[in-house]
Amino acid sequence: MGVLVFLAGVQHFVNPDFFNDIVPPWLPPSESFWTYVSGVAELIIGAMLISTKYRRQGALAAIALFIAVYPANIYMVWDWRDRELSERMVSYGRLPLQFVIIWMAWKVSVTRRPSTTP
């Protein structure tokens, strides 16, 4: 999960236009601001999830982030309402997928792993 979250964070910088387009435009200060802030958050959280020491905290932070960005998924459905059916299906699929990802992060947060330090 950590690698996927980290790579998602990288995508915010590689392909910012995609993320800018799904940020509700009424959120101040700008779409780019939220794209880069969420990208940095995903980079940090991804690294935490990869780390044995910070995995639980990273999972809890991931849950908070995934809840915080859910409005972008709702906005995406509304904004893509006139697109081709295949594109609309992608936007619809993101809504329940977010709950699956939140559940996965919760599972990581409650899973005990052996410590690598004495």
PDB file of N, CA and C in Angstrom:
ATOM      1  N   MET A   1       0.828  -1.197   0.000  1.00  0.00           N
ATOM      2  CA  MET A   1       0.000   0.000   0.000  1.00  0.00           C
ATOM      3  C   MET A   1       0.871   1.259   0.000  1.00  0.00           C
ATOM      4  N   GLY A   2       1.969   1.207   0.748  1.00  0.00           N
ATOM      5  CA  GLY A   2       2.837   2.371   0.839  1.00  0.00           C
ATOM      6  C   GLY A   2       3.415   2.795  -0.496  1.00  0.00           C
ATOM      7  N   VAL A   3       3.843   1.823  -1.286  1.00  0.00           N
ATOM      8  CA  VAL A   3       4.411   2.136  -2.601  1.00  0.00           C
ATOM      9  C   VAL A   3       3.349   2.762  -3.498  1.00  0.00           C
ATOM     10  N   LEU A   4       2.134   2.224  -3.456  1.00  0.00           N
ATOM     11  CA  LEU A   4       1.060   2.775  -4.296  1.00  0.00           C
ATOM     12  C   LEU A   4       0.712   4.208  -3.899  1.00  0.00           C
ATOM     13  N   VAL A   5       0.645   4.469  -2.595  1.00  0.00           N
ATOM     14  CA  VAL A   5       0.345   5.828  -2.128  1.00  0.00           C
ATOM     15  C   VAL A   5       1.483   6.767  -2.529  1.00  0.00           C
ATOM     16  N   PHE A   6       2.719   6.312  -2.363  1.00  0.00           N
ATOM     17  CA  PHE A   6       3.867   7.131  -2.745  1.00  0.00           C
ATOM     18  C   PHE A   6       3.832   7.453  -4.239  1.00  0.00           C
ATOM     19  N   LEU A   7       3.574   6.433  -5.066  1.00  0.00           N
ATOM     20  CA  LEU A   7       3.513   6.659  -6.517  1.00  0.00           C
ATOM     21  C   LEU A   7       2.354   7.579  -6.903  1.00  0.00           C
ATOM     22  N   ALA A   8       1.246   7.483  -6.174  1.00  0.00           N
ATOM     23  CA  ALA A   8       0.135   8.415  -6.417  1.00  0.00           C
ATOM     24  C   ALA A   8       0.589   9.842  -6.119  1.00  0.00           C
ATOM     25  N   GLY A   9       1.380  10.011  -5.061  1.00  0.00           N
ATOM     26  CA  GLY A   9       1.921  11.329  -4.742  1.00  0.00           C
ATOM     27  C   GLY A   9       2.818  11.859  -5.844  1.00  0.00           C
ATOM     28  N   VAL A  10       3.646  10.993  -6.402  1.00  0.00           N
ATOM     29  CA  VAL A  10       4.517  11.388  -7.519  1.00  0.00           C
ATOM     30  C   VAL A  10       3.674  11.884  -8.687  1.00  0.00           C
ATOM     31  N   GLN A  11       2.563  11.211  -8.959  1.00  0.00           N
ATOM     32  CA  GLN A  11       1.706  11.588 -10.086  1.00  0.00           C
ATOM     33  C   GLN A  11       1.160  13.010  -9.959  1.00  0.00           C
ATOM     34  N   HIS A  12       0.999  13.500  -8.728  1.00  0.00           N
ATOM     35  CA  HIS A  12       0.523  14.874  -8.539  1.00  0.00           C
ATOM     36  C   HIS A  12       1.496  15.890  -9.140  1.00  0.00           C
ATOM     37  N   PHE A  13       2.775  15.514  -9.212  1.00  0.00           N
ATOM     38  CA  PHE A  13       3.796  16.410  -9.755  1.00  0.00           C
ATOM     39  C   PHE A  13       4.081  16.121 -11.226  1.00  0.00           C
ATOM     40  N   VAL A  14       3.897  14.875 -11.641  1.00  0.00           N
ATOM     41  CA  VAL A  14       4.127  14.481 -13.031  1.00  0.00           C
ATOM     42  C   VAL A  14       2.954  14.892 -13.913  1.00  0.00           C
ATOM     43  N   ASN A  15       1.744  14.758 -13.387  1.00  0.00           N
ATOM     44  CA  ASN A  15       0.524  15.033 -14.154  1.00  0.00           C
ATOM     45  C   ASN A  15      -0.429  15.921 -13.341  1.00  0.00           C
ATOM     46  N   PRO A  16       0.005  17.132 -12.976  1.00  0.00           N
ATOM     47  CA  PRO A  16      -0.829  17.965 -12.103  1.00  0.00           C
ATOM     48  C   PRO A  16      -2.154  18.392 -12.729  1.00  0.00           C
ATOM     49  N   ASP A  17      -2.215  18.495 -14.046  1.00  0.00           N
ATOM     50  CA  ASP A  17      -3.462  18.941 -14.678  1.00  0.00           C
ATOM     51  C   ASP A  17      -4.626  18.006 -14.372  1.00  0.00           C
ATOM     52  N   PHE A  18      -4.374  16.698 -14.356  1.00  0.00           N
ATOM     53  CA  PHE A  18      -5.445  15.753 -14.024  1.00  0.00           C
ATOM     54  C   PHE A  18      -6.005  16.055 -12.640  1.00  0.00           C
ATOM     55  N   PHE A  19      -5.115  16.245 -11.670  1.00  0.00           N
ATOM     56  CA  PHE A  19      -5.549  16.486 -10.297  1.00  0.00           C
ATOM     57  C   PHE A  19      -6.165  17.875 -10.143  1.00  0.00           C
ATOM     58  N   ASN A  20      -5.601  18.873 -10.821  1.00  0.00           N
ATOM     59  CA  ASN A  20      -6.195  20.215 -10.783  1.00  0.00           C
ATOM     60  C   ASN A  20      -7.643  20.181 -11.252  1.00  0.00           C
ATOM     61  N   ASP A  21      -7.908  19.375 -12.271  1.00  0.00           N
ATOM     62  CA  ASP A  21      -9.257  19.308 -12.839  1.00  0.00           C
ATOM     63  C   ASP A  21     -10.284  18.682 -11.909  1.00  0.00           C
ATOM     64  N   ILE A  22      -9.851  17.872 -10.939  1.00  0.00           N
ATOM     65  CA  ILE A  22     -10.834  17.244 -10.047  1.00  0.00           C
ATOM     66  C   ILE A  22     -10.942  17.953  -8.700  1.00  0.00           C
ATOM     67  N   VAL A  23     -10.137  19.005  -8.505  1.00  0.00           N
ATOM     68  CA  VAL A  23     -10.274  19.815  -7.287  1.00  0.00           C
ATOM     69  C   VAL A  23     -11.435  20.779  -7.497  1.00  0.00           C
ATOM     70  N   PRO A  24     -12.393  20.780  -6.578  1.00  0.00           N
ATOM     71  CA  PRO A  24     -13.496  21.745  -6.724  1.00  0.00           C
ATOM     72  C   PRO A  24     -12.945  23.170  -6.808  1.00  0.00           C
ATOM     73  N   PRO A  25     -13.321  23.921  -7.836  1.00  0.00           N
ATOM     74  CA  PRO A  25     -12.730  25.242  -8.060  1.00  0.00           C
ATOM     75  C   PRO A  25     -13.088  26.278  -6.998  1.00  0.00           C
ATOM     76  N   TRP A  26     -14.077  26.004  -6.189  1.00  0.00           N
ATOM     77  CA  TRP A  26     -14.454  26.970  -5.159  1.00  0.00           C
ATOM     78  C   TRP A  26     -13.587  26.843  -3.900  1.00  0.00           C
ATOM     79  N   LEU A  27     -12.669  25.864  -3.863  1.00  0.00           N
ATOM     80  CA  LEU A  27     -11.778  25.737  -2.707  1.00  0.00           C
ATOM     81  C   LEU A  27     -10.635  26.741  -2.829  1.00  0.00           C
ATOM     82  N   PRO A  28     -10.501  27.646  -1.870  1.00  0.00           N
ATOM     83  CA  PRO A  28      -9.374  28.567  -1.923  1.00  0.00           C
ATOM     84  C   PRO A  28      -8.110  27.848  -1.440  1.00  0.00           C
ATOM     85  N   PRO A  29      -6.946  28.249  -1.810  1.00  0.00           N
ATOM     86  CA  PRO A  29      -6.644  29.368  -2.671  1.00  0.00           C
ATOM     87  C   PRO A  29      -6.659  29.014  -4.160  1.00  0.00           C
ATOM     88  N   SER A  30      -6.322  27.752  -4.529  1.00  0.00           N
ATOM     89  CA  SER A  30      -6.333  27.390  -5.952  1.00  0.00           C
ATOM     90  C   SER A  30      -6.293  25.874  -6.097  1.00  0.00           C
ATOM     91  N   GLU A  31      -6.640  25.410  -7.288  1.00  0.00           N
ATOM     92  CA  GLU A  31      -6.589  23.976  -7.560  1.00  0.00           C
ATOM     93  C   GLU A  31      -5.158  23.457  -7.451  1.00  0.00           C
ATOM     94  N   SER A  32      -4.201  24.203  -7.990  1.00  0.00           N
ATOM     95  CA  SER A  32      -2.797  23.778  -7.946  1.00  0.00           C
ATOM     96  C   SER A  32      -2.300  23.631  -6.519  1.00  0.00           C
ATOM     97  N   PHE A  33      -2.692  24.549  -5.666  1.00  0.00           N
ATOM     98  CA  PHE A  33      -2.288  24.465  -4.262  1.00  0.00           C
ATOM     99  C   PHE A  33      -2.689  23.124  -3.680  1.00  0.00           C
ATOM    100  N   TRP A  34      -3.953  22.729  -3.867  1.00  0.00           N
ATOM    101  CA  TRP A  34      -4.452  21.473  -3.291  1.00  0.00           C
ATOM    102  C   TRP A  34      -3.839  20.261  -3.977  1.00  0.00           C
ATOM    103  N   THR A  35      -3.551  20.365  -5.256  1.00  0.00           N
ATOM    104  CA  THR A  35      -2.882  19.265  -5.956  1.00  0.00           C
ATOM    105  C   THR A  35      -1.517  19.004  -5.342  1.00  0.00           C
ATOM    106  N   TYR A  36      -0.740  20.059  -5.146  1.00  0.00           N
ATOM    107  CA  TYR A  36       0.614  19.880  -4.623  1.00  0.00           C
ATOM    108  C   TYR A  36       0.611  19.524  -3.140  1.00  0.00           C
ATOM    109  N   VAL A  37      -0.286  20.106  -2.361  1.00  0.00           N
ATOM    110  CA  VAL A  37      -0.366  19.756  -0.936  1.00  0.00           C
ATOM    111  C   VAL A  37      -0.731  18.284  -0.769  1.00  0.00           C
ATOM    112  N   SER A  38      -1.732  17.828  -1.521  1.00  0.00           N
ATOM    113  CA  SER A  38      -2.117  16.419  -1.395  1.00  0.00           C
ATOM    114  C   SER A  38      -1.023  15.506  -1.953  1.00  0.00           C
ATOM    115  N   GLY A  39      -0.302  15.961  -2.962  1.00  0.00           N
ATOM    116  CA  GLY A  39       0.821  15.181  -3.481  1.00  0.00           C
ATOM    117  C   GLY A  39       1.925  15.021  -2.449  1.00  0.00           C
ATOM    118  N   VAL A  40       2.279  16.104  -1.776  1.00  0.00           N
ATOM    119  CA  VAL A  40       3.288  16.036  -0.713  1.00  0.00           C
ATOM    120  C   VAL A  40       2.796  15.118   0.405  1.00  0.00           C
ATOM    121  N   ALA A  41       1.524  15.256   0.775  1.00  0.00           N
ATOM    122  CA  ALA A  41       0.959  14.397   1.821  1.00  0.00           C
ATOM    123  C   ALA A  41       1.062  12.931   1.425  1.00  0.00           C
ATOM    124  N   GLU A  42       0.762  12.607   0.177  1.00  0.00           N
ATOM    125  CA  GLU A  42       0.844  11.213  -0.264  1.00  0.00           C
ATOM    126  C   GLU A  42       2.286  10.716  -0.289  1.00  0.00           C
ATOM    127  N   LEU A  43       3.224  11.562  -0.637  1.00  0.00           N
ATOM    128  CA  LEU A  43       4.633  11.160  -0.592  1.00  0.00           C
ATOM    129  C   LEU A  43       5.052  10.831   0.840  1.00  0.00           C
ATOM    130  N   ILE A  44       4.692  11.693   1.770  1.00  0.00           N
ATOM    131  CA  ILE A  44       5.053  11.477   3.177  1.00  0.00           C
ATOM    132  C   ILE A  44       4.345  10.246   3.728  1.00  0.00           C
ATOM    133  N   ILE A  45       3.045  10.144   3.488  1.00  0.00           N
ATOM    134  CA  ILE A  45       2.267   9.019   4.006  1.00  0.00           C
ATOM    135  C   ILE A  45       2.735   7.713   3.367  1.00  0.00           C
ATOM    136  N   GLY A  46       3.024   7.733   2.080  1.00  0.00           N
ATOM    137  CA  GLY A  46       3.545   6.535   1.425  1.00  0.00           C
ATOM    138  C   GLY A  46       4.840   6.070   2.070  1.00  0.00           C
ATOM    139  N   ALA A  47       5.744   7.009   2.343  1.00  0.00           N
ATOM    140  CA  ALA A  47       7.004   6.665   3.004  1.00  0.00           C
ATOM    141  C   ALA A  47       6.746   6.114   4.407  1.00  0.00           C
ATOM    142  N   MET A  48       5.799   6.697   5.117  1.00  0.00           N
ATOM    143  CA  MET A  48       5.463   6.195   6.455  1.00  0.00           C
ATOM    144  C   MET A  48       4.908   4.772   6.382  1.00  0.00           C
ATOM    145  N   LEU A  49       4.080   4.505   5.391  1.00  0.00           N
ATOM    146  CA  LEU A  49       3.511   3.163   5.245  1.00  0.00           C
ATOM    147  C   LEU A  49       4.582   2.130   4.890  1.00  0.00           C
ATOM    148  N   ILE A  50       5.596   2.538   4.184  1.00  0.00           N
ATOM    149  CA  ILE A  50       6.695   1.635   3.835  1.00  0.00           C
ATOM    150  C   ILE A  50       7.558   1.349   5.058  1.00  0.00           C
ATOM    151  N   SER A  51       7.695   2.332   5.922  1.00  0.00           N
ATOM    152  CA  SER A  51       8.517   2.216   7.120  1.00  0.00           C
ATOM    153  C   SER A  51       7.860   1.304   8.155  1.00  0.00           C
ATOM    154  N   THR A  52       8.641   0.418   8.738  1.00  0.00           N
ATOM    155  CA  THR A  52       8.122  -0.428   9.818  1.00  0.00           C
ATOM    156  C   THR A  52       7.798   0.423  11.043  1.00  0.00           C
ATOM    157  N   LYS A  53       8.652   1.373  11.334  1.00  0.00           N
ATOM    158  CA  LYS A  53       8.503   2.182  12.545  1.00  0.00           C
ATOM    159  C   LYS A  53       7.259   3.067  12.511  1.00  0.00           C
ATOM    160  N   TYR A  54       6.925   3.621  11.358  1.00  0.00           N
ATOM    161  CA  TYR A  54       5.832   4.592  11.267  1.00  0.00           C
ATOM    162  C   TYR A  54       4.609   4.080  10.502  1.00  0.00           C
ATOM    163  N   ARG A  55       4.547   2.777  10.267  1.00  0.00           N
ATOM    164  CA  ARG A  55       3.471   2.215   9.442  1.00  0.00           C
ATOM    165  C   ARG A  55       2.088   2.516  10.025  1.00  0.00           C
ATOM    166  N   ARG A  56       1.890   2.299  11.314  1.00  0.00           N
ATOM    167  CA  ARG A  56       0.566   2.513  11.912  1.00  0.00           C
ATOM    168  C   ARG A  56       0.152   3.981  11.799  1.00  0.00           C
ATOM    169  N   GLN A  57       1.047   4.894  12.133  1.00  0.00           N
ATOM    170  CA  GLN A  57       0.741   6.320  12.022  1.00  0.00           C
ATOM    171  C   GLN A  57       0.476   6.705  10.567  1.00  0.00           C
ATOM    172  N   GLY A  58       1.236   6.122   9.656  1.00  0.00           N
ATOM    173  CA  GLY A  58       1.017   6.380   8.239  1.00  0.00           C
ATOM    174  C   GLY A  58      -0.349   5.912   7.776  1.00  0.00           C
ATOM    175  N   ALA A  59      -0.775   4.751   8.288  1.00  0.00           N
ATOM    176  CA  ALA A  59      -2.095   4.232   7.919  1.00  0.00           C
ATOM    177  C   ALA A  59      -3.199   5.143   8.440  1.00  0.00           C
ATOM    178  N   LEU A  60      -3.053   5.621   9.660  1.00  0.00           N
ATOM    179  CA  LEU A  60      -4.060   6.539  10.214  1.00  0.00           C
ATOM    180  C   LEU A  60      -4.067   7.864   9.446  1.00  0.00           C
ATOM    181  N   ALA A  61      -2.885   8.346   9.083  1.00  0.00           N
ATOM    182  CA  ALA A  61      -2.807   9.571   8.275  1.00  0.00           C
ATOM    183  C   ALA A  61      -3.423   9.340   6.895  1.00  0.00           C
ATOM    184  N   ALA A  62      -3.228   8.149   6.342  1.00  0.00           N
ATOM    185  CA  ALA A  62      -3.820   7.822   5.039  1.00  0.00           C
ATOM    186  C   ALA A  62      -5.339   7.860   5.118  1.00  0.00           C
ATOM    187  N   ILE A  63      -5.892   7.308   6.188  1.00  0.00           N
ATOM    188  CA  ILE A  63      -7.348   7.336   6.364  1.00  0.00           C
ATOM    189  C   ILE A  63      -7.841   8.780   6.368  1.00  0.00           C
ATOM    190  N   ALA A  64      -7.164   9.628   7.140  1.00  0.00           N
ATOM    191  CA  ALA A  64      -7.568  11.039   7.207  1.00  0.00           C
ATOM    192  C   ALA A  64      -7.467  11.696   5.829  1.00  0.00           C
ATOM    193  N   LEU A  65      -6.391  11.423   5.112  1.00  0.00           N
ATOM    194  CA  LEU A  65      -6.217  12.016   3.782  1.00  0.00           C
ATOM    195  C   LEU A  65      -7.285  11.522   2.815  1.00  0.00           C
ATOM    196  N   PHE A  66      -7.556  10.222   2.821  1.00  0.00           N
ATOM    197  CA  PHE A  66      -8.539   9.663   1.890  1.00  0.00           C
ATOM    198  C   PHE A  66      -9.938  10.203   2.166  1.00  0.00           C
ATOM    199  N   ILE A  67     -10.233  10.470   3.417  1.00  0.00           N
ATOM    200  CA  ILE A  67     -11.522  11.101   3.748  1.00  0.00           C
ATOM    201  C   ILE A  67     -11.514  12.557   3.279  1.00  0.00           C
ATOM    202  N   ALA A  68     -10.396  13.243   3.497  1.00  0.00           N
ATOM    203  CA  ALA A  68     -10.306  14.663   3.135  1.00  0.00           C
ATOM    204  C   ALA A  68     -10.430  14.893   1.631  1.00  0.00           C
ATOM    205  N   VAL A  69      -9.925  13.964   0.817  1.00  0.00           N
ATOM    206  CA  VAL A  69      -9.969  14.175  -0.634  1.00  0.00           C
ATOM    207  C   VAL A  69     -11.230  13.589  -1.273  1.00  0.00           C
ATOM    208  N   TYR A  70     -12.091  12.964  -0.489  1.00  0.00           N
ATOM    209  CA  TYR A  70     -13.309  12.372  -1.047  1.00  0.00           C
ATOM    210  C   TYR A  70     -14.174  13.397  -1.792  1.00  0.00           C
ATOM    211  N   PRO A  71     -14.285  14.641  -1.315  1.00  0.00           N
ATOM    212  CA  PRO A  71     -15.062  15.627  -2.078  1.00  0.00           C
ATOM    213  C   PRO A  71     -14.568  15.811  -3.520  1.00  0.00           C
ATOM    214  N   ALA A  72     -13.289  15.597  -3.770  1.00  0.00           N
ATOM    215  CA  ALA A  72     -12.787  15.688  -5.149  1.00  0.00           C
ATOM    216  C   ALA A  72     -13.400  14.591  -6.011  1.00  0.00           C
ATOM    217  N   ASN A  73     -13.619  13.410  -5.431  1.00  0.00           N
ATOM    218  CA  ASN A  73     -14.256  12.325  -6.185  1.00  0.00           C
ATOM    219  C   ASN A  73     -15.713  12.657  -6.491  1.00  0.00           C
ATOM    220  N   ILE A  74     -16.391  13.252  -5.527  1.00  0.00           N
ATOM    221  CA  ILE A  74     -17.788  13.655  -5.751  1.00  0.00           C
ATOM    222  C   ILE A  74     -17.842  14.736  -6.830  1.00  0.00           C
ATOM    223  N   TYR A  75     -16.944  15.710  -6.730  1.00  0.00           N
ATOM    224  CA  TYR A  75     -16.895  16.771  -7.735  1.00  0.00           C
ATOM    225  C   TYR A  75     -16.591  16.191  -9.116  1.00  0.00           C
ATOM    226  N   MET A  76     -15.701  15.205  -9.165  1.00  0.00           N
ATOM    227  CA  MET A  76     -15.350  14.586 -10.442  1.00  0.00           C
ATOM    228  C   MET A  76     -16.579  13.964 -11.108  1.00  0.00           C
ATOM    229  N   VAL A  77     -17.420  13.279 -10.323  1.00  0.00           N
ATOM    230  CA  VAL A  77     -18.650  12.689 -10.880  1.00  0.00           C
ATOM    231  C   VAL A  77     -19.522  13.790 -11.479  1.00  0.00           C
ATOM    232  N   TRP A  78     -19.701  14.869 -10.746  1.00  0.00           N
ATOM    233  CA  TRP A  78     -20.544  15.967 -11.225  1.00  0.00           C
ATOM    234  C   TRP A  78     -19.929  16.626 -12.457  1.00  0.00           C
ATOM    235  N   ASP A  79     -18.628  16.892 -12.392  1.00  0.00           N
ATOM    236  CA  ASP A  79     -17.960  17.597 -13.481  1.00  0.00           C
ATOM    237  C   ASP A  79     -17.881  16.753 -14.757  1.00  0.00           C
ATOM    238  N   TRP A  80     -17.838  15.445 -14.625  1.00  0.00           N
ATOM    239  CA  TRP A  80     -17.725  14.552 -15.776  1.00  0.00           C
ATOM    240  C   TRP A  80     -19.084  14.046 -16.253  1.00  0.00           C
ATOM    241  N   ARG A  81     -20.155  14.631 -15.794  1.00  0.00           N
ATOM    242  CA  ARG A  81     -21.504  14.135 -16.103  1.00  0.00           C
ATOM    243  C   ARG A  81     -21.835  14.125 -17.591  1.00  0.00           C
ATOM    244  N   ASP A  82     -21.176  14.961 -18.388  1.00  0.00           N
ATOM    245  CA  ASP A  82     -21.459  15.022 -19.824  1.00  0.00           C
ATOM    246  C   ASP A  82     -20.404  14.305 -20.674  1.00  0.00           C
ATOM    247  N   ARG A  83     -19.488  13.622 -20.031  1.00  0.00           N
ATOM    248  CA  ARG A  83     -18.444  12.918 -20.785  1.00  0.00           C
ATOM    249  C   ARG A  83     -18.959  11.572 -21.292  1.00  0.00           C
ATOM    250  N   GLU A  84     -18.128  10.905 -22.058  1.00  0.00           N
ATOM    251  CA  GLU A  84     -18.459   9.572 -22.566  1.00  0.00           C
ATOM    252  C   GLU A  84     -18.733   8.630 -21.391  1.00  0.00           C
ATOM    253  N   LEU A  85     -19.556   7.626 -21.643  1.00  0.00           N
ATOM    254  CA  LEU A  85     -19.924   6.674 -20.595  1.00  0.00           C
ATOM    255  C   LEU A  85     -18.700   6.040 -19.944  1.00  0.00           C
ATOM    256  N   SER A  86     -17.701   5.680 -20.720  1.00  0.00           N
ATOM    257  CA  SER A  86     -16.507   5.037 -20.152  1.00  0.00           C
ATOM    258  C   SER A  86     -15.810   5.954 -19.147  1.00  0.00           C
ATOM    259  N   GLU A  87     -15.739   7.235 -19.444  1.00  0.00           N
ATOM    260  CA  GLU A  87     -15.128   8.187 -18.515  1.00  0.00           C
ATOM    261  C   GLU A  87     -16.006   8.383 -17.287  1.00  0.00           C
ATOM    262  N   ARG A  88     -17.303   8.452 -17.493  1.00  0.00           N
ATOM    263  CA  ARG A  88     -18.212   8.585 -16.345  1.00  0.00           C
ATOM    264  C   ARG A  88     -18.095   7.369 -15.430  1.00  0.00           C
ATOM    265  N   MET A  89     -17.925   6.193 -16.012  1.00  0.00           N
ATOM    266  CA  MET A  89     -17.794   4.981 -15.203  1.00  0.00           C
ATOM    267  C   MET A  89     -16.544   5.040 -14.325  1.00  0.00           C
ATOM    268  N   VAL A  90     -15.470   5.610 -14.844  1.00  0.00           N
ATOM    269  CA  VAL A  90     -14.259   5.795 -14.038  1.00  0.00           C
ATOM    270  C   VAL A  90     -14.574   6.684 -12.844  1.00  0.00           C
ATOM    271  N   SER A  91     -15.273   7.785 -13.086  1.00  0.00           N
ATOM    272  CA  SER A  91     -15.590   8.696 -11.980  1.00  0.00           C
ATOM    273  C   SER A  91     -16.526   8.035 -10.977  1.00  0.00           C
ATOM    274  N   TYR A  92     -17.490   7.247 -11.452  1.00  0.00           N
ATOM    275  CA  TYR A  92     -18.393   6.536 -10.535  1.00  0.00           C
ATOM    276  C   TYR A  92     -17.628   5.492  -9.723  1.00  0.00           C
ATOM    277  N   GLY A  93     -16.705   4.813 -10.377  1.00  0.00           N
ATOM    278  CA  GLY A  93     -15.943   3.764  -9.700  1.00  0.00           C
ATOM    279  C   GLY A  93     -15.060   4.275  -8.586  1.00  0.00           C
ATOM    280  N   ARG A  94     -14.629   5.520  -8.700  1.00  0.00           N
ATOM    281  CA  ARG A  94     -13.778   6.100  -7.655  1.00  0.00           C
ATOM    282  C   ARG A  94     -14.522   6.271  -6.334  1.00  0.00           C
ATOM    283  N   LEU A  95     -15.832   6.441  -6.386  1.00  0.00           N
ATOM    284  CA  LEU A  95     -16.588   6.667  -5.145  1.00  0.00           C
ATOM    285  C   LEU A  95     -16.511   5.466  -4.203  1.00  0.00           C
ATOM    286  N   PRO A  96     -16.928   4.258  -4.617  1.00  0.00           N
ATOM    287  CA  PRO A  96     -16.817   3.123  -3.697  1.00  0.00           C
ATOM    288  C   PRO A  96     -15.370   2.674  -3.489  1.00  0.00           C
ATOM    289  N   LEU A  97     -14.514   2.871  -4.497  1.00  0.00           N
ATOM    290  CA  LEU A  97     -13.119   2.472  -4.351  1.00  0.00           C
ATOM    291  C   LEU A  97     -12.461   3.188  -3.177  1.00  0.00           C
ATOM    292  N   GLN A  98     -12.837   4.430  -2.954  1.00  0.00           N
ATOM    293  CA  GLN A  98     -12.249   5.189  -1.851  1.00  0.00           C
ATOM    294  C   GLN A  98     -12.534   4.508  -0.514  1.00  0.00           C
ATOM    295  N   PHE A  99     -13.720   3.932  -0.355  1.00  0.00           N
ATOM    296  CA  PHE A  99     -14.048   3.232   0.890  1.00  0.00           C
ATOM    297  C   PHE A  99     -13.223   1.959   1.036  1.00  0.00           C
ATOM    298  N   VAL A 100     -12.964   1.279  -0.063  1.00  0.00           N
ATOM    299  CA  VAL A 100     -12.109   0.085  -0.032  1.00  0.00           C
ATOM    300  C   VAL A 100     -10.697   0.475   0.393  1.00  0.00           C
ATOM    301  N   ILE A 101     -10.201   1.569  -0.144  1.00  0.00           N
ATOM    302  CA  ILE A 101      -8.853   2.029   0.197  1.00  0.00           C
ATOM    303  C   ILE A 101      -8.790   2.454   1.666  1.00  0.00           C
ATOM    304  N   ILE A 102      -9.827   3.106   2.153  1.00  0.00           N
ATOM    305  CA  ILE A 102      -9.879   3.479   3.570  1.00  0.00           C
ATOM    306  C   ILE A 102      -9.868   2.223   4.434  1.00  0.00           C
ATOM    307  N   TRP A 103     -10.648   1.217   4.052  1.00  0.00           N
ATOM    308  CA  TRP A 103     -10.682  -0.042   4.797  1.00  0.00           C
ATOM    309  C   TRP A 103      -9.304  -0.702   4.796  1.00  0.00           C
ATOM    310  N   MET A 104      -8.620  -0.692   3.650  1.00  0.00           N
ATOM    311  CA  MET A 104      -7.275  -1.273   3.569  1.00  0.00           C
ATOM    312  C   MET A 104      -6.309  -0.548   4.510  1.00  0.00           C
ATOM    313  N   ALA A 105      -6.391   0.765   4.549  1.00  0.00           N
ATOM    314  CA  ALA A 105      -5.530   1.535   5.449  1.00  0.00           C
ATOM    315  C   ALA A 105      -5.863   1.214   6.899  1.00  0.00           C
ATOM    316  N   TRP A 106      -7.132   1.059   7.209  1.00  0.00           N
ATOM    317  CA  TRP A 106      -7.525   0.695   8.577  1.00  0.00           C
ATOM    318  C   TRP A 106      -6.940  -0.665   8.939  1.00  0.00           C
ATOM    319  N   LYS A 107      -7.007  -1.629   8.016  1.00  0.00           N
ATOM    320  CA  LYS A 107      -6.435  -2.958   8.272  1.00  0.00           C
ATOM    321  C   LYS A 107      -4.937  -2.856   8.556  1.00  0.00           C
ATOM    322  N   VAL A 108      -4.245  -2.014   7.821  1.00  0.00           N
ATOM    323  CA  VAL A 108      -2.817  -1.812   8.073  1.00  0.00           C
ATOM    324  C   VAL A 108      -2.621  -1.214   9.459  1.00  0.00           C
ATOM    325  N   SER A 109      -3.492  -0.291   9.858  1.00  0.00           N
ATOM    326  CA  SER A 109      -3.328   0.386  11.152  1.00  0.00           C
ATOM    327  C   SER A 109      -3.526  -0.552  12.336  1.00  0.00           C
ATOM    328  N   VAL A 110      -4.300  -1.603  12.172  1.00  0.00           N
ATOM    329  CA  VAL A 110      -4.579  -2.508  13.301  1.00  0.00           C
ATOM    330  C   VAL A 110      -3.772  -3.802  13.234  1.00  0.00           C
ATOM    331  N   THR A 111      -2.999  -3.992  12.189  1.00  0.00           N
ATOM    332  CA  THR A 111      -2.193  -5.207  12.053  1.00  0.00           C
ATOM    333  C   THR A 111      -0.888  -5.035  12.804  1.00  0.00           C
ATOM    334  N   ARG A 112      -0.646  -5.956  13.703  1.00  0.00           N
ATOM    335  CA  ARG A 112       0.614  -5.938  14.455  1.00  0.00           C
ATOM    336  C   ARG A 112       1.679  -6.644  13.629  1.00  0.00           C
ATOM    337  N   ARG A 113       2.820  -6.021  13.531  1.00  0.00           N
ATOM    338  CA  ARG A 113       3.948  -6.641  12.835  1.00  0.00           C
ATOM    339  C   ARG A 113       5.096  -6.767  13.827  1.00  0.00           C
ATOM    340  N   PRO A 114       5.876  -7.820  13.681  1.00  0.00           N
ATOM    341  CA  PRO A 114       7.018  -7.965  14.592  1.00  0.00           C
ATOM    342  C   PRO A 114       7.973  -6.785  14.454  1.00  0.00           C
ATOM    343  N   SER A 115       8.478  -6.357  15.561  1.00  0.00           N
ATOM    344  CA  SER A 115       9.426  -5.245  15.559  1.00  0.00           C
ATOM    345  C   SER A 115      10.783  -5.729  15.065  1.00  0.00           C
ATOM    346  N   THR A 116      11.476  -4.884  14.337  1.00  0.00           N
ATOM    347  CA  THR A 116      12.814  -5.240  13.859  1.00  0.00           C
ATOM    348  C   THR A 116      13.886  -4.730  14.814  1.00  0.00           C
ATOM    349  N   THR A 117      13.479  -4.002  15.846  1.00  0.00           N
ATOM    350  CA  THR A 117      14.442  -3.501  16.822  1.00  0.00           C
ATOM    351  C   THR A 117      14.251  -4.240  18.135  1.00  0.00           C
ATOM    352  N   PRO A 118      15.349  -4.484  18.880  1.00  0.00           N
ATOM    353  CA  PRO A 118      15.220  -5.215  20.161  1.00  0.00           C
ATOM    354  C   PRO A 118      14.522  -4.416  21.217  1.00  0.00           C
TER     355      PRO A 118
END
